[in-house]
Amino acid sequence: MGNSTNNSELNIINNTQRQRFEFPVDDDFAYLEYRWYRKNLALMHTEVPRKVQGKGIAGLLAKFALDYARKNDIKIMVYCPYVAAYLKRHPEYADLVDRNYQQ
């Protein structure tokens, strides 16, 4: 059946040096960039290499970032349009958004 979502999530790493969650794709990466603002995790930009677009990787990255925030009791700020759209489809993560720092 190929890779399941759970197996794919295991391939995502938090590259704290580059401040991004990364998913390896051949000799490249799909990634979700973040920055720290005070104690909040600001989700900035999602990038997926063209050759693997449309395979759900951006969704895996968004879910990983949101689960990371939940596990670590961190509020998020959303600047990435993809993550904003993901949150609309997954309202169970809405409580993670810091309402004091809405754009």
PDB file of N, CA and C in Angstrom:
ATOM      1  N   MET A   1       0.810  -1.200   0.000  1.00  0.00           N
ATOM      2  CA  MET A   1       0.000   0.000   0.000  1.00  0.00           C
ATOM      3  C   MET A   1       0.851   1.259   0.000  1.00  0.00           C
ATOM      4  N   GLY A   2       2.156   1.162  -0.083  1.00  0.00           N
ATOM      5  CA  GLY A   2       3.000   2.355  -0.082  1.00  0.00           C
ATOM      6  C   GLY A   2       3.146   2.927   1.311  1.00  0.00           C
ATOM      7  N   ASN A   3       3.662   4.129   1.386  1.00  0.00           N
ATOM      8  CA  ASN A   3       3.854   4.788   2.686  1.00  0.00           C
ATOM      9  C   ASN A   3       2.520   5.232   3.249  1.00  0.00           C
ATOM     10  N   SER A   4       2.310   4.934   4.506  1.00  0.00           N
ATOM     11  CA  SER A   4       1.120   5.464   5.169  1.00  0.00           C
ATOM     12  C   SER A   4       1.468   6.836   5.729  1.00  0.00           C
ATOM     13  N   THR A   5       0.447   7.562   6.117  1.00  0.00           N
ATOM     14  CA  THR A   5       0.672   8.887   6.687  1.00  0.00           C
ATOM     15  C   THR A   5       1.592   8.806   7.897  1.00  0.00           C
ATOM     16  N   ASN A   6       1.381   7.793   8.748  1.00  0.00           N
ATOM     17  CA  ASN A   6       2.199   7.674   9.951  1.00  0.00           C
ATOM     18  C   ASN A   6       3.664   7.472   9.612  1.00  0.00           C
ATOM     19  N   ASN A   7       3.964   6.628   8.633  1.00  0.00           N
ATOM     20  CA  ASN A   7       5.360   6.430   8.246  1.00  0.00           C
ATOM     21  C   ASN A   7       5.961   7.711   7.697  1.00  0.00           C
ATOM     22  N   SER A   8       5.184   8.453   6.925  1.00  0.00           N
ATOM     23  CA  SER A   8       5.675   9.700   6.347  1.00  0.00           C
ATOM     24  C   SER A   8       5.988  10.721   7.433  1.00  0.00           C
ATOM     25  N   GLU A   9       5.137  10.779   8.453  1.00  0.00           N
ATOM     26  CA  GLU A   9       5.359  11.747   9.520  1.00  0.00           C
ATOM     27  C   GLU A   9       6.662  11.482  10.245  1.00  0.00           C
ATOM     28  N   LEU A  10       7.074  10.222  10.306  1.00  0.00           N
ATOM     29  CA  LEU A  10       8.325   9.886  10.981  1.00  0.00           C
ATOM     30  C   LEU A  10       9.525  10.495  10.257  1.00  0.00           C
ATOM     31  N   ASN A  11       9.360  10.795   8.973  1.00  0.00           N
ATOM     32  CA  ASN A  11      10.455  11.368   8.194  1.00  0.00           C
ATOM     33  C   ASN A  11      10.592  12.875   8.390  1.00  0.00           C
ATOM     34  N   ILE A  12       9.628  13.510   9.038  1.00  0.00           N
ATOM     35  CA  ILE A  12       9.691  14.953   9.256  1.00  0.00           C
ATOM     36  C   ILE A  12      10.575  15.230  10.456  1.00  0.00           C
ATOM     37  N   ILE A  13      11.487  16.176  10.278  1.00  0.00           N
ATOM     38  CA  ILE A  13      12.357  16.553  11.390  1.00  0.00           C
ATOM     39  C   ILE A  13      12.224  18.051  11.662  1.00  0.00           C
ATOM     40  N   ASN A  14      12.485  18.416  12.888  1.00  0.00           N
ATOM     41  CA  ASN A  14      12.515  19.820  13.274  1.00  0.00           C
ATOM     42  C   ASN A  14      13.969  20.270  13.160  1.00  0.00           C
ATOM     43  N   ASN A  15      14.285  21.001  12.116  1.00  0.00           N
ATOM     44  CA  ASN A  15      15.640  21.523  11.920  1.00  0.00           C
ATOM     45  C   ASN A  15      15.703  22.868  12.645  1.00  0.00           C
ATOM     46  N   THR A  16      16.121  22.836  13.907  1.00  0.00           N
ATOM     47  CA  THR A  16      16.098  24.049  14.718  1.00  0.00           C
ATOM     48  C   THR A  16      17.116  25.071  14.226  1.00  0.00           C
ATOM     49  N   GLN A  17      18.195  24.604  13.607  1.00  0.00           N
ATOM     50  CA  GLN A  17      19.208  25.530  13.094  1.00  0.00           C
ATOM     51  C   GLN A  17      18.657  26.379  11.951  1.00  0.00           C
ATOM     52  N   ARG A  18      17.912  25.739  11.054  1.00  0.00           N
ATOM     53  CA  ARG A  18      17.331  26.461   9.912  1.00  0.00           C
ATOM     54  C   ARG A  18      15.921  26.966  10.210  1.00  0.00           C
ATOM     55  N   GLN A  19      15.413  26.660  11.379  1.00  0.00           N
ATOM     56  CA  GLN A  19      14.065  27.039  11.811  1.00  0.00           C
ATOM     57  C   GLN A  19      13.006  26.608  10.800  1.00  0.00           C
ATOM     58  N   ARG A  20      12.943  25.300  10.616  1.00  0.00           N
ATOM     59  CA  ARG A  20      11.912  24.763   9.747  1.00  0.00           C
ATOM     60  C   ARG A  20      11.701  23.278  10.034  1.00  0.00           C
ATOM     61  N   PHE A  21      10.475  22.840   9.781  1.00  0.00           N
ATOM     62  CA  PHE A  21      10.147  21.424   9.820  1.00  0.00           C
ATOM     63  C   PHE A  21      10.404  20.911   8.408  1.00  0.00           C
ATOM     64  N   GLU A  22      11.171  19.824   8.283  1.00  0.00           N
ATOM     65  CA  GLU A  22      11.604  19.351   6.970  1.00  0.00           C
ATOM     66  C   GLU A  22      11.134  17.930   6.691  1.00  0.00           C
ATOM     67  N   PHE A  23      10.795  17.704   5.437  1.00  0.00           N
ATOM     68  CA  PHE A  23      10.451  16.384   4.931  1.00  0.00           C
ATOM     69  C   PHE A  23      11.368  16.117   3.743  1.00  0.00           C
ATOM     70  N   PRO A  24      12.259  15.101   3.826  1.00  0.00           N
ATOM     71  CA  PRO A  24      13.196  14.859   2.727  1.00  0.00           C
ATOM     72  C   PRO A  24      12.498  14.361   1.460  1.00  0.00           C
ATOM     73  N   VAL A  25      12.902  14.937   0.334  1.00  0.00           N
ATOM     74  CA  VAL A  25      12.385  14.555  -0.978  1.00  0.00           C
ATOM     75  C   VAL A  25      13.593  14.407  -1.895  1.00  0.00           C
ATOM     76  N   ASP A  26      14.002  13.163  -2.144  1.00  0.00           N
ATOM     77  CA  ASP A  26      15.200  12.892  -2.945  1.00  0.00           C
ATOM     78  C   ASP A  26      16.365  13.727  -2.398  1.00  0.00           C
ATOM     79  N   ASP A  27      16.922  14.613  -3.217  1.00  0.00           N
ATOM     80  CA  ASP A  27      18.067  15.425  -2.772  1.00  0.00           C
ATOM     81  C   ASP A  27      17.618  16.823  -2.342  1.00  0.00           C
ATOM     82  N   ASP A  28      16.349  16.956  -1.989  1.00  0.00           N
ATOM     83  CA  ASP A  28      15.758  18.253  -1.658  1.00  0.00           C
ATOM     84  C   ASP A  28      14.897  18.085  -0.402  1.00  0.00           C
ATOM     85  N   PHE A  29      14.194  19.137  -0.022  1.00  0.00           N
ATOM     86  CA  PHE A  29      13.290  19.084   1.120  1.00  0.00           C
ATOM     87  C   PHE A  29      12.001  19.820   0.811  1.00  0.00           C
ATOM     88  N   ALA A  30      10.908  19.297   1.329  1.00  0.00           N
ATOM     89  CA  ALA A  30       9.701  20.088   1.509  1.00  0.00           C
ATOM     90  C   ALA A  30       9.835  20.626   2.924  1.00  0.00           C
ATOM     91  N   TYR A  31       9.368  21.839   3.176  1.00  0.00           N
ATOM     92  CA  TYR A  31       9.557  22.385   4.515  1.00  0.00           C
ATOM     93  C   TYR A  31       8.500  23.414   4.868  1.00  0.00           C
ATOM     94  N   LEU A  32       8.370  23.611   6.175  1.00  0.00           N
ATOM     95  CA  LEU A  32       7.517  24.650   6.741  1.00  0.00           C
ATOM     96  C   LEU A  32       8.405  25.496   7.635  1.00  0.00           C
ATOM     97  N   GLU A  33       8.655  26.734   7.197  1.00  0.00           N
ATOM     98  CA  GLU A  33       9.521  27.651   7.951  1.00  0.00           C
ATOM     99  C   GLU A  33       8.774  28.232   9.134  1.00  0.00           C
ATOM    100  N   TYR A  34       9.498  28.425  10.220  1.00  0.00           N
ATOM    101  CA  TYR A  34       8.917  29.087  11.381  1.00  0.00           C
ATOM    102  C   TYR A  34       9.913  30.060  11.984  1.00  0.00           C
ATOM    103  N   ARG A  35       9.411  30.911  12.819  1.00  0.00           N
ATOM    104  CA  ARG A  35      10.234  31.840  13.606  1.00  0.00           C
ATOM    105  C   ARG A  35       9.670  31.839  15.012  1.00  0.00           C
ATOM    106  N   TRP A  36      10.472  32.208  15.978  1.00  0.00           N
ATOM    107  CA  TRP A  36       9.992  32.366  17.348  1.00  0.00           C
ATOM    108  C   TRP A  36       9.700  33.843  17.583  1.00  0.00           C
ATOM    109  N   TYR A  37       8.533  34.121  18.106  1.00  0.00           N
ATOM    110  CA  TYR A  37       8.175  35.488  18.477  1.00  0.00           C
ATOM    111  C   TYR A  37       7.727  35.434  19.922  1.00  0.00           C
ATOM    112  N   ARG A  38       8.518  36.022  20.814  1.00  0.00           N
ATOM    113  CA  ARG A  38       8.307  35.853  22.249  1.00  0.00           C
ATOM    114  C   ARG A  38       8.261  34.360  22.513  1.00  0.00           C
ATOM    115  N   LYS A  39       7.154  33.853  23.025  1.00  0.00           N
ATOM    116  CA  LYS A  39       7.077  32.403  23.262  1.00  0.00           C
ATOM    117  C   LYS A  39       6.249  31.694  22.200  1.00  0.00           C
ATOM    118  N   ASN A  40       5.825  32.432  21.192  1.00  0.00           N
ATOM    119  CA  ASN A  40       4.968  31.865  20.157  1.00  0.00           C
ATOM    120  C   ASN A  40       5.774  31.295  19.000  1.00  0.00           C
ATOM    121  N   LEU A  41       5.168  30.309  18.344  1.00  0.00           N
ATOM    122  CA  LEU A  41       5.726  29.722  17.143  1.00  0.00           C
ATOM    123  C   LEU A  41       5.002  30.356  15.954  1.00  0.00           C
ATOM    124  N   ALA A  42       5.713  31.182  15.203  1.00  0.00           N
ATOM    125  CA  ALA A  42       5.125  31.844  14.030  1.00  0.00           C
ATOM    126  C   ALA A  42       5.384  30.978  12.800  1.00  0.00           C
ATOM    127  N   LEU A  43       4.321  30.467  12.203  1.00  0.00           N
ATOM    128  CA  LEU A  43       4.438  29.603  11.022  1.00  0.00           C
ATOM    129  C   LEU A  43       4.421  30.500   9.789  1.00  0.00           C
ATOM    130  N   MET A  44       5.558  30.521   9.082  1.00  0.00           N
ATOM    131  CA  MET A  44       5.802  31.544   8.072  1.00  0.00           C
ATOM    132  C   MET A  44       5.482  31.134   6.633  1.00  0.00           C
ATOM    133  N   HIS A  45       5.989  29.964   6.210  1.00  0.00           N
ATOM    134  CA  HIS A  45       5.942  29.653   4.781  1.00  0.00           C
ATOM    135  C   HIS A  45       6.112  28.157   4.569  1.00  0.00           C
ATOM    136  N   THR A  46       5.290  27.586   3.709  1.00  0.00           N
ATOM    137  CA  THR A  46       5.411  26.175   3.335  1.00  0.00           C
ATOM    138  C   THR A  46       5.897  26.103   1.893  1.00  0.00           C
ATOM    139  N   GLU A  47       6.866  25.237   1.658  1.00  0.00           N
ATOM    140  CA  GLU A  47       7.436  25.055   0.317  1.00  0.00           C
ATOM    141  C   GLU A  47       7.527  23.561   0.030  1.00  0.00           C
ATOM    142  N   VAL A  48       6.973  23.140  -1.115  1.00  0.00           N
ATOM    143  CA  VAL A  48       7.035  21.738  -1.525  1.00  0.00           C
ATOM    144  C   VAL A  48       7.608  21.699  -2.936  1.00  0.00           C
ATOM    145  N   PRO A  49       8.671  20.895  -3.174  1.00  0.00           N
ATOM    146  CA  PRO A  49       9.236  20.807  -4.524  1.00  0.00           C
ATOM    147  C   PRO A  49       8.163  20.419  -5.546  1.00  0.00           C
ATOM    148  N   ARG A  50       8.227  21.045  -6.703  1.00  0.00           N
ATOM    149  CA  ARG A  50       7.211  20.852  -7.742  1.00  0.00           C
ATOM    150  C   ARG A  50       6.971  19.375  -8.056  1.00  0.00           C
ATOM    151  N   LYS A  51       8.032  18.564  -8.080  1.00  0.00           N
ATOM    152  CA  LYS A  51       7.887  17.158  -8.484  1.00  0.00           C
ATOM    153  C   LYS A  51       7.037  16.332  -7.521  1.00  0.00           C
ATOM    154  N   VAL A  52       6.809  16.828  -6.297  1.00  0.00           N
ATOM    155  CA  VAL A  52       5.988  16.067  -5.344  1.00  0.00           C
ATOM    156  C   VAL A  52       4.773  16.864  -4.856  1.00  0.00           C
ATOM    157  N   GLN A  53       4.439  17.931  -5.530  1.00  0.00           N
ATOM    158  CA  GLN A  53       3.256  18.701  -5.148  1.00  0.00           C
ATOM    159  C   GLN A  53       2.000  17.869  -5.397  1.00  0.00           C
ATOM    160  N   GLY A  54       0.981  18.103  -4.600  1.00  0.00           N
ATOM    161  CA  GLY A  54      -0.283  17.399  -4.761  1.00  0.00           C
ATOM    162  C   GLY A  54      -0.316  16.029  -4.108  1.00  0.00           C
ATOM    163  N   LYS A  55       0.697  15.692  -3.319  1.00  0.00           N
ATOM    164  CA  LYS A  55       0.752  14.376  -2.666  1.00  0.00           C
ATOM    165  C   LYS A  55       0.478  14.452  -1.169  1.00  0.00           C
ATOM    166  N   GLY A  56       0.034  15.614  -0.690  1.00  0.00           N
ATOM    167  CA  GLY A  56      -0.330  15.732   0.719  1.00  0.00           C
ATOM    168  C   GLY A  56       0.812  16.061   1.663  1.00  0.00           C
ATOM    169  N   ILE A  57       1.981  16.363   1.116  1.00  0.00           N
ATOM    170  CA  ILE A  57       3.143  16.627   1.970  1.00  0.00           C
ATOM    171  C   ILE A  57       2.978  17.924   2.753  1.00  0.00           C
ATOM    172  N   ALA A  58       2.435  18.957   2.141  1.00  0.00           N
ATOM    173  CA  ALA A  58       2.216  20.218   2.859  1.00  0.00           C
ATOM    174  C   ALA A  58       1.282  19.991   4.047  1.00  0.00           C
ATOM    175  N   GLY A  59       0.269  19.159   3.866  1.00  0.00           N
ATOM    176  CA  GLY A  59      -0.644  18.833   4.945  1.00  0.00           C
ATOM    177  C   GLY A  59       0.051  18.101   6.084  1.00  0.00           C
ATOM    178  N   LEU A  60       0.968  17.187   5.731  1.00  0.00           N
ATOM    179  CA  LEU A  60       1.740  16.482   6.764  1.00  0.00           C
ATOM    180  C   LEU A  60       2.598  17.462   7.555  1.00  0.00           C
ATOM    181  N   LEU A  61       3.200  18.404   6.850  1.00  0.00           N
ATOM    182  CA  LEU A  61       4.041  19.406   7.528  1.00  0.00           C
ATOM    183  C   LEU A  61       3.206  20.272   8.469  1.00  0.00           C
ATOM    184  N   ALA A  62       2.043  20.709   7.992  1.00  0.00           N
ATOM    185  CA  ALA A  62       1.168  21.532   8.830  1.00  0.00           C
ATOM    186  C   ALA A  62       0.729  20.757  10.070  1.00  0.00           C
ATOM    187  N   LYS A  63       0.309  19.508   9.880  1.00  0.00           N
ATOM    188  CA  LYS A  63      -0.130  18.678  11.006  1.00  0.00           C
ATOM    189  C   LYS A  63       1.027  18.468  11.988  1.00  0.00           C
ATOM    190  N   PHE A  64       2.201  18.206  11.478  1.00  0.00           N
ATOM    191  CA  PHE A  64       3.369  17.993  12.341  1.00  0.00           C
ATOM    192  C   PHE A  64       3.638  19.240  13.181  1.00  0.00           C
ATOM    193  N   ALA A  65       3.615  20.402  12.543  1.00  0.00           N
ATOM    194  CA  ALA A  65       3.875  21.661  13.256  1.00  0.00           C
ATOM    195  C   ALA A  65       2.818  21.906  14.328  1.00  0.00           C
ATOM    196  N   LEU A  66       1.560  21.668  13.995  1.00  0.00           N
ATOM    197  CA  LEU A  66       0.481  21.901  14.948  1.00  0.00           C
ATOM    198  C   LEU A  66       0.534  20.897  16.100  1.00  0.00           C
ATOM    199  N   ASP A  67       0.843  19.649  15.785  1.00  0.00           N
ATOM    200  CA  ASP A  67       0.992  18.645  16.846  1.00  0.00           C
ATOM    201  C   ASP A  67       2.186  18.975  17.739  1.00  0.00           C
ATOM    202  N   TYR A  68       3.261  19.477  17.140  1.00  0.00           N
ATOM    203  CA  TYR A  68       4.435  19.908  17.904  1.00  0.00           C
ATOM    204  C   TYR A  68       4.044  21.018  18.885  1.00  0.00           C
ATOM    205  N   ALA A  69       3.298  21.997  18.389  1.00  0.00           N
ATOM    206  CA  ALA A  69       2.850  23.097  19.247  1.00  0.00           C
ATOM    207  C   ALA A  69       1.968  22.564  20.378  1.00  0.00           C
ATOM    208  N   ARG A  70       1.054  21.658  20.049  1.00  0.00           N
ATOM    209  CA  ARG A  70       0.150  21.094  21.056  1.00  0.00           C
ATOM    210  C   ARG A  70       0.938  20.337  22.129  1.00  0.00           C
ATOM    211  N   LYS A  71       1.864  19.473  21.704  1.00  0.00           N
ATOM    212  CA  LYS A  71       2.643  18.665  22.656  1.00  0.00           C
ATOM    213  C   LYS A  71       3.487  19.528  23.578  1.00  0.00           C
ATOM    214  N   ASN A  72       3.956  20.653  23.060  1.00  0.00           N
ATOM    215  CA  ASN A  72       4.867  21.513  23.821  1.00  0.00           C
ATOM    216  C   ASN A  72       4.170  22.717  24.448  1.00  0.00           C
ATOM    217  N   ASP A  73       2.835  22.735  24.378  1.00  0.00           N
ATOM    218  CA  ASP A  73       2.039  23.804  24.972  1.00  0.00           C
ATOM    219  C   ASP A  73       2.483  25.189  24.479  1.00  0.00           C
ATOM    220  N   ILE A  74       2.578  25.309  23.152  1.00  0.00           N
ATOM    221  CA  ILE A  74       3.039  26.547  22.501  1.00  0.00           C
ATOM    222  C   ILE A  74       1.878  27.119  21.692  1.00  0.00           C
ATOM    223  N   LYS A  75       1.679  28.417  21.788  1.00  0.00           N
ATOM    224  CA  LYS A  75       0.693  29.093  20.943  1.00  0.00           C
ATOM    225  C   LYS A  75       1.347  29.405  19.591  1.00  0.00           C
ATOM    226  N   ILE A  76       0.526  29.480  18.555  1.00  0.00           N
ATOM    227  CA  ILE A  76       1.046  29.741  17.216  1.00  0.00           C
ATOM    228  C   ILE A  76       0.516  31.059  16.665  1.00  0.00           C
ATOM    229  N   MET A  77       1.274  31.590  15.720  1.00  0.00           N
ATOM    230  CA  MET A  77       0.870  32.727  14.908  1.00  0.00           C
ATOM    231  C   MET A  77       0.974  32.244  13.461  1.00  0.00           C
ATOM    232  N   VAL A  78      -0.027  32.533  12.651  1.00  0.00           N
ATOM    233  CA  VAL A  78      -0.061  31.979  11.297  1.00  0.00           C
ATOM    234  C   VAL A  78       0.123  33.075  10.258  1.00  0.00           C
ATOM    235  N   TYR A  79       1.217  32.992   9.532  1.00  0.00           N
ATOM    236  CA  TYR A  79       1.486  33.899   8.411  1.00  0.00           C
ATOM    237  C   TYR A  79       1.434  33.148   7.087  1.00  0.00           C
ATOM    238  N   CYS A  80       1.550  31.834   7.157  1.00  0.00           N
ATOM    239  CA  CYS A  80       1.554  31.001   5.950  1.00  0.00           C
ATOM    240  C   CYS A  80       0.120  30.772   5.475  1.00  0.00           C
ATOM    241  N   PRO A  81      -0.192  31.153   4.226  1.00  0.00           N
ATOM    242  CA  PRO A  81      -1.557  30.958   3.710  1.00  0.00           C
ATOM    243  C   PRO A  81      -1.978  29.489   3.707  1.00  0.00           C
ATOM    244  N   TYR A  82      -1.027  28.583   3.447  1.00  0.00           N
ATOM    245  CA  TYR A  82      -1.383  27.156   3.440  1.00  0.00           C
ATOM    246  C   TYR A  82      -1.819  26.710   4.836  1.00  0.00           C
ATOM    247  N   VAL A  83      -1.059  27.085   5.858  1.00  0.00           N
ATOM    248  CA  VAL A  83      -1.413  26.688   7.226  1.00  0.00           C
ATOM    249  C   VAL A  83      -2.741  27.316   7.631  1.00  0.00           C
ATOM    250  N   ALA A  84      -2.985  28.551   7.216  1.00  0.00           N
ATOM    251  CA  ALA A  84      -4.272  29.207   7.510  1.00  0.00           C
ATOM    252  C   ALA A  84      -5.425  28.400   6.910  1.00  0.00           C
ATOM    253  N   ALA A  85      -5.260  27.941   5.668  1.00  0.00           N
ATOM    254  CA  ALA A  85      -6.291  27.132   5.011  1.00  0.00           C
ATOM    255  C   ALA A  85      -6.436  25.777   5.706  1.00  0.00           C
ATOM    256  N   TYR A  86      -5.316  25.189   6.121  1.00  0.00           N
ATOM    257  CA  TYR A  86      -5.336  23.915   6.833  1.00  0.00           C
ATOM    258  C   TYR A  86      -6.130  24.051   8.132  1.00  0.00           C
ATOM    259  N   LEU A  87      -5.927  25.153   8.847  1.00  0.00           N
ATOM    260  CA  LEU A  87      -6.641  25.381  10.104  1.00  0.00           C
ATOM    261  C   LEU A  87      -8.153  25.483   9.882  1.00  0.00           C
ATOM    262  N   LYS A  88      -8.563  26.058   8.765  1.00  0.00           N
ATOM    263  CA  LYS A  88      -9.995  26.153   8.467  1.00  0.00           C
ATOM    264  C   LYS A  88     -10.595  24.766   8.259  1.00  0.00           C
ATOM    265  N   ARG A  89      -9.802  23.859   7.681  1.00  0.00           N
ATOM    266  CA  ARG A  89     -10.276  22.481   7.451  1.00  0.00           C
ATOM    267  C   ARG A  89     -10.151  21.614   8.702  1.00  0.00           C
ATOM    268  N   HIS A  90      -9.352  22.056   9.671  1.00  0.00           N
ATOM    269  CA  HIS A  90      -9.092  21.273  10.889  1.00  0.00           C
ATOM    270  C   HIS A  90      -9.299  22.152  12.125  1.00  0.00           C
ATOM    271  N   PRO A  91     -10.557  22.473  12.433  1.00  0.00           N
ATOM    272  CA  PRO A  91     -10.836  23.394  13.544  1.00  0.00           C
ATOM    273  C   PRO A  91     -10.389  22.865  14.909  1.00  0.00           C
ATOM    274  N   GLU A  92     -10.057  21.579  14.989  1.00  0.00           N
ATOM    275  CA  GLU A  92      -9.588  21.029  16.261  1.00  0.00           C
ATOM    276  C   GLU A  92      -8.261  21.652  16.713  1.00  0.00           C
ATOM    277  N   TYR A  93      -7.593  22.366  15.807  1.00  0.00           N
ATOM    278  CA  TYR A  93      -6.334  23.040  16.156  1.00  0.00           C
ATOM    279  C   TYR A  93      -6.527  24.533  16.434  1.00  0.00           C
ATOM    280  N   ALA A  94      -7.731  25.036  16.300  1.00  0.00           N
ATOM    281  CA  ALA A  94      -7.984  26.488  16.407  1.00  0.00           C
ATOM    282  C   ALA A  94      -7.544  27.068  17.748  1.00  0.00           C
ATOM    283  N   ASP A  95      -7.618  26.262  18.805  1.00  0.00           N
ATOM    284  CA  ASP A  95      -7.251  26.750  20.136  1.00  0.00           C
ATOM    285  C   ASP A  95      -5.761  27.066  20.267  1.00  0.00           C
ATOM    286  N   LEU A  96      -4.958  26.593  19.324  1.00  0.00           N
ATOM    287  CA  LEU A  96      -3.518  26.850  19.375  1.00  0.00           C
ATOM    288  C   LEU A  96      -3.159  28.272  18.936  1.00  0.00           C
ATOM    289  N   VAL A  97      -4.046  28.909  18.178  1.00  0.00           N
ATOM    290  CA  VAL A  97      -3.751  30.233  17.631  1.00  0.00           C
ATOM    291  C   VAL A  97      -3.813  31.278  18.740  1.00  0.00           C
ATOM    292  N   ASP A  98      -2.756  32.074  18.838  1.00  0.00           N
ATOM    293  CA  ASP A  98      -2.718  33.164  19.821  1.00  0.00           C
ATOM    294  C   ASP A  98      -3.575  34.301  19.283  1.00  0.00           C
ATOM    295  N   ARG A  99      -4.744  34.467  19.855  1.00  0.00           N
ATOM    296  CA  ARG A  99      -5.695  35.477  19.359  1.00  0.00           C
ATOM    297  C   ARG A  99      -5.219  36.909  19.624  1.00  0.00           C
ATOM    298  N   ASN A 100      -4.239  37.095  20.492  1.00  0.00           N
ATOM    299  CA  ASN A 100      -3.707  38.432  20.767  1.00  0.00           C
ATOM    300  C   ASN A 100      -2.814  38.952  19.641  1.00  0.00           C
ATOM    301  N   TYR A 101      -2.368  38.052  18.770  1.00  0.00           N
ATOM    302  CA  TYR A 101      -1.433  38.455  17.710  1.00  0.00           C
ATOM    303  C   TYR A 101      -1.960  38.120  16.332  1.00  0.00           C
ATOM    304  N   GLN A 102      -3.253  38.280  16.142  1.00  0.00           N
ATOM    305  CA  GLN A 102      -3.820  38.076  14.811  1.00  0.00           C
ATOM    306  C   GLN A 102      -3.331  39.164  13.861  1.00  0.00           C
ATOM    307  N   GLN A 103      -3.123  38.806  12.614  1.00  0.00           N
ATOM    308  CA  GLN A 103      -2.705  39.801  11.617  1.00  0.00           C
ATOM    309  C   GLN A 103      -3.858  40.735  11.333  1.00  0.00           C
TER     310      GLN A 103
END
